């Protein structure tokens, strides 16, 4: 309902999605997602949309609002609270996914370090007179060379990322 109302009011005001997006300081795709019902604006953005479209928030939410009616304001605030809770859940889900991605990347880096430590540097004993093993040995050496120098920084970054995205109480 919100998505249809935003689209209808926008068209009534003669604005394109691009023009509305510029006035709201968002990208056009964001307006498109709102109008297709793929996402909803948070309460602050809903108030901004209301201001740009010169339409009460209640109308955007599908109600006719009489100015200053406390019952209607309560209804609007309840709907905004539901929208904000949904957005908070989505944000928490994304944060959790990002947190586990950092943890898995950290584990992968440590695992590759362990494999390199156990295997040593096998390319040192290779027969470089054979072109195929020479290329493979050179590629393995290049990978190990770059990995050993870049991976510690990447590991520090992933650990910091995991700490910063952990769930806070």
Protein backbone atom coordinates (compact mmCIF):
# COMPACT_ATOMS: atom_id res chain seq x y z
CA UNK A 1 0.00 0.00 0.00
CA UNK A 2 2.81 2.42 0.89
CA UNK A 3 4.58 1.64 -2.37
CA UNK A 4 1.46 2.34 -4.45
CA UNK A 5 0.75 5.57 -2.56
CA UNK A 6 4.28 6.91 -3.05
CA UNK A 7 4.07 6.16 -6.77
CA UNK A 8 0.58 7.67 -7.17
CA UNK A 9 1.40 10.88 -5.27
CA UNK A 10 4.71 11.24 -7.12
CA UNK A 11 2.96 10.96 -10.47
CA UNK A 12 0.22 13.35 -9.34
CA UNK A 13 2.91 15.91 -8.50
CA UNK A 14 4.45 15.37 -11.95
CA UNK A 15 7.77 14.10 -10.64
CA UNK A 16 9.86 11.32 -12.17
CA UNK A 17 11.61 8.79 -9.97
CA UNK A 18 14.90 10.53 -10.77
CA UNK A 19 13.57 13.94 -9.73
CA UNK A 20 12.17 12.58 -6.47
CA UNK A 21 15.45 10.77 -5.79
CA UNK A 22 17.43 13.98 -6.30
CA UNK A 23 15.19 15.91 -3.91
CA UNK A 24 15.57 13.15 -1.28
CA UNK A 25 19.35 12.72 -1.82
CA UNK A 26 19.00 9.04 -2.73
CA UNK A 27 19.60 7.12 -5.95
CA UNK A 28 16.77 6.48 -8.38
CA UNK A 29 16.97 2.73 -7.71
CA UNK A 30 16.00 3.38 -4.10
CA UNK A 31 12.80 5.14 -5.17
CA UNK A 32 12.14 2.31 -7.62
CA UNK A 33 12.52 -0.28 -4.83
CA UNK A 34 10.09 1.65 -2.62
CA UNK A 35 7.54 1.83 -5.42
CA UNK A 36 7.88 -1.86 -6.26
CA UNK A 37 7.53 -2.82 -2.60
CA UNK A 38 11.02 -4.37 -2.39
CA UNK A 39 11.97 -2.09 0.48
CA UNK A 40 10.40 0.57 2.65
CA UNK A 41 11.75 3.95 3.71
CA UNK A 42 12.59 4.38 7.39
CA UNK A 43 10.61 6.86 9.47
CA UNK A 44 12.98 9.78 8.82
CA UNK A 45 12.93 9.17 5.08
CA UNK A 46 9.13 8.79 5.15
CA UNK A 47 8.91 12.25 6.72
CA UNK A 48 11.27 13.60 4.02
CA UNK A 49 9.16 12.01 1.28
CA UNK A 50 6.08 13.55 2.85
CA UNK A 51 7.72 16.98 2.80
CA UNK A 52 8.94 16.74 -0.79
CA UNK A 53 5.59 15.46 -2.05
CA UNK A 54 3.73 17.95 0.17
CA UNK A 55 1.53 15.12 1.41
CA UNK A 56 0.86 14.02 4.99
CA UNK A 57 2.62 10.84 6.10
CA UNK A 58 -0.76 9.32 6.88
CA UNK A 59 -1.83 9.65 3.25
CA UNK A 60 1.35 7.85 2.18
CA UNK A 61 0.53 5.12 4.68
CA UNK A 62 -2.99 4.85 3.29
CA UNK A 63 -5.04 6.90 5.72
CA UNK A 64 -6.80 10.22 5.62
CA UNK A 65 -5.43 12.20 8.52
CA UNK A 66 -7.12 15.11 10.23
CA UNK A 67 -4.50 17.49 11.55
CA UNK A 68 -3.96 17.23 15.27
CA UNK A 69 -6.12 14.14 15.84
CA UNK A 70 -4.28 12.21 18.57
CA UNK A 71 -5.78 8.81 17.63
CA UNK A 72 -4.59 9.14 14.05
CA UNK A 73 -1.15 10.23 15.17
CA UNK A 74 -1.00 7.20 17.44
CA UNK A 75 -1.89 4.93 14.52
CA UNK A 76 0.78 6.51 12.36
CA UNK A 77 3.39 6.19 15.08
CA UNK A 78 2.48 2.52 15.55
CA UNK A 79 2.86 1.88 11.82
CA UNK A 80 6.18 3.71 11.76
CA UNK A 81 7.32 1.64 14.72
CA UNK A 82 6.47 -1.57 12.83
CA UNK A 83 8.38 -0.32 9.77
CA UNK A 84 11.39 0.60 11.91
CA UNK A 85 11.34 -2.82 13.59
CA UNK A 86 11.34 -4.52 10.19
CA UNK A 87 14.26 -2.37 9.07
CA UNK A 88 16.12 -3.12 12.31
CA UNK A 89 15.66 -6.86 11.75
CA UNK A 90 16.98 -6.57 8.20
CA UNK A 91 19.97 -4.57 9.40
CA UNK A 92 20.69 -7.13 12.14
CA UNK A 93 20.51 -9.95 9.61
CA UNK A 94 22.95 -8.22 7.29
CA UNK A 95 25.28 -7.47 10.19
CA UNK A 96 25.21 -11.13 11.28
CA UNK A 97 25.99 -12.32 7.73
CA UNK A 98 28.87 -9.85 7.47
CA UNK A 99 30.16 -10.93 10.90
CA UNK A 100 30.26 -14.60 9.88
CA UNK A 101 31.87 -13.70 6.56
CA UNK A 102 34.71 -12.00 8.44
CA UNK A 103 35.08 -15.00 10.73
CA UNK A 104 35.18 -17.44 7.80
CA UNK A 105 37.73 -15.30 5.94
CA UNK A 106 39.91 -15.19 9.06
CA UNK A 107 39.70 -18.98 9.37
CA UNK A 108 40.55 -19.43 5.67
CA UNK A 109 43.62 -17.21 5.98
CA UNK A 110 44.86 -19.12 9.04
CA UNK A 111 44.20 -22.43 7.26
CA UNK A 112 46.21 -21.40 4.17
CA UNK A 113 49.04 -20.23 6.45
CA UNK A 114 48.98 -23.64 8.17
CA UNK A 115 49.11 -25.47 4.83
CA UNK A 116 52.02 -23.33 3.68
CA UNK A 117 53.85 -23.93 6.97
CA UNK A 118 53.33 -27.71 6.84
CA UNK A 119 54.13 -28.04 3.13
CA UNK A 120 57.14 -25.79 3.31
CA UNK A 121 58.14 -24.38 -0.07
CA UNK A 122 57.94 -27.40 -2.39
CA UNK A 123 58.81 -25.36 -5.49
CA UNK A 124 62.41 -25.00 -4.25
CA UNK A 125 63.11 -28.66 -5.07
CA UNK A 126 61.34 -28.69 -8.43
CA UNK A 127 62.99 -29.44 -11.71
CA UNK A 128 62.87 -26.10 -13.51
CA UNK A 129 64.29 -27.60 -16.72
CA UNK A 130 60.81 -28.95 -17.51
CA UNK A 131 58.70 -26.01 -18.76
CA UNK A 132 55.46 -27.23 -17.16
CA UNK A 133 56.89 -27.63 -13.67
CA UNK A 134 58.85 -24.40 -14.08
CA UNK A 135 55.63 -22.49 -14.74
CA UNK A 136 53.82 -24.25 -11.88
CA UNK A 137 56.74 -23.63 -9.52
CA UNK A 138 56.91 -19.97 -10.49
CA UNK A 139 53.13 -19.55 -10.02
CA UNK A 140 53.23 -21.28 -6.63
CA UNK A 141 56.20 -19.18 -5.56
CA UNK A 142 54.41 -15.97 -6.67
CA UNK A 143 51.24 -16.97 -4.77
CA UNK A 144 53.19 -17.78 -1.61
CA UNK A 145 55.26 -14.61 -1.89
CA UNK A 146 52.19 -12.37 -2.22
CA UNK A 147 50.09 -14.32 0.30
CA UNK A 148 52.72 -14.22 3.05
CA UNK A 149 53.03 -10.45 2.69
CA UNK A 150 49.35 -9.52 2.21
CA UNK A 151 47.58 -12.11 4.38
CA UNK A 152 48.69 -10.72 7.77
CA UNK A 153 47.13 -7.38 6.90
CA UNK A 154 44.01 -9.13 5.60
CA UNK A 155 43.85 -11.22 8.78
CA UNK A 156 44.07 -8.12 10.95
CA UNK A 157 41.33 -6.50 8.84
CA UNK A 158 39.02 -9.52 9.07
CA UNK A 159 39.51 -9.82 12.84
CA UNK A 160 38.76 -6.12 13.27
CA UNK A 161 35.72 -6.53 11.01
CA UNK A 162 34.48 -9.50 13.04
CA UNK A 163 34.89 -7.54 16.28
CA UNK A 164 33.14 -4.46 14.91
CA UNK A 165 30.18 -6.46 13.53
CA UNK A 166 29.59 -8.64 16.57
CA UNK A 167 26.20 -8.49 18.26
CA UNK A 168 26.07 -5.85 20.95
CA UNK A 169 23.85 -6.19 23.97
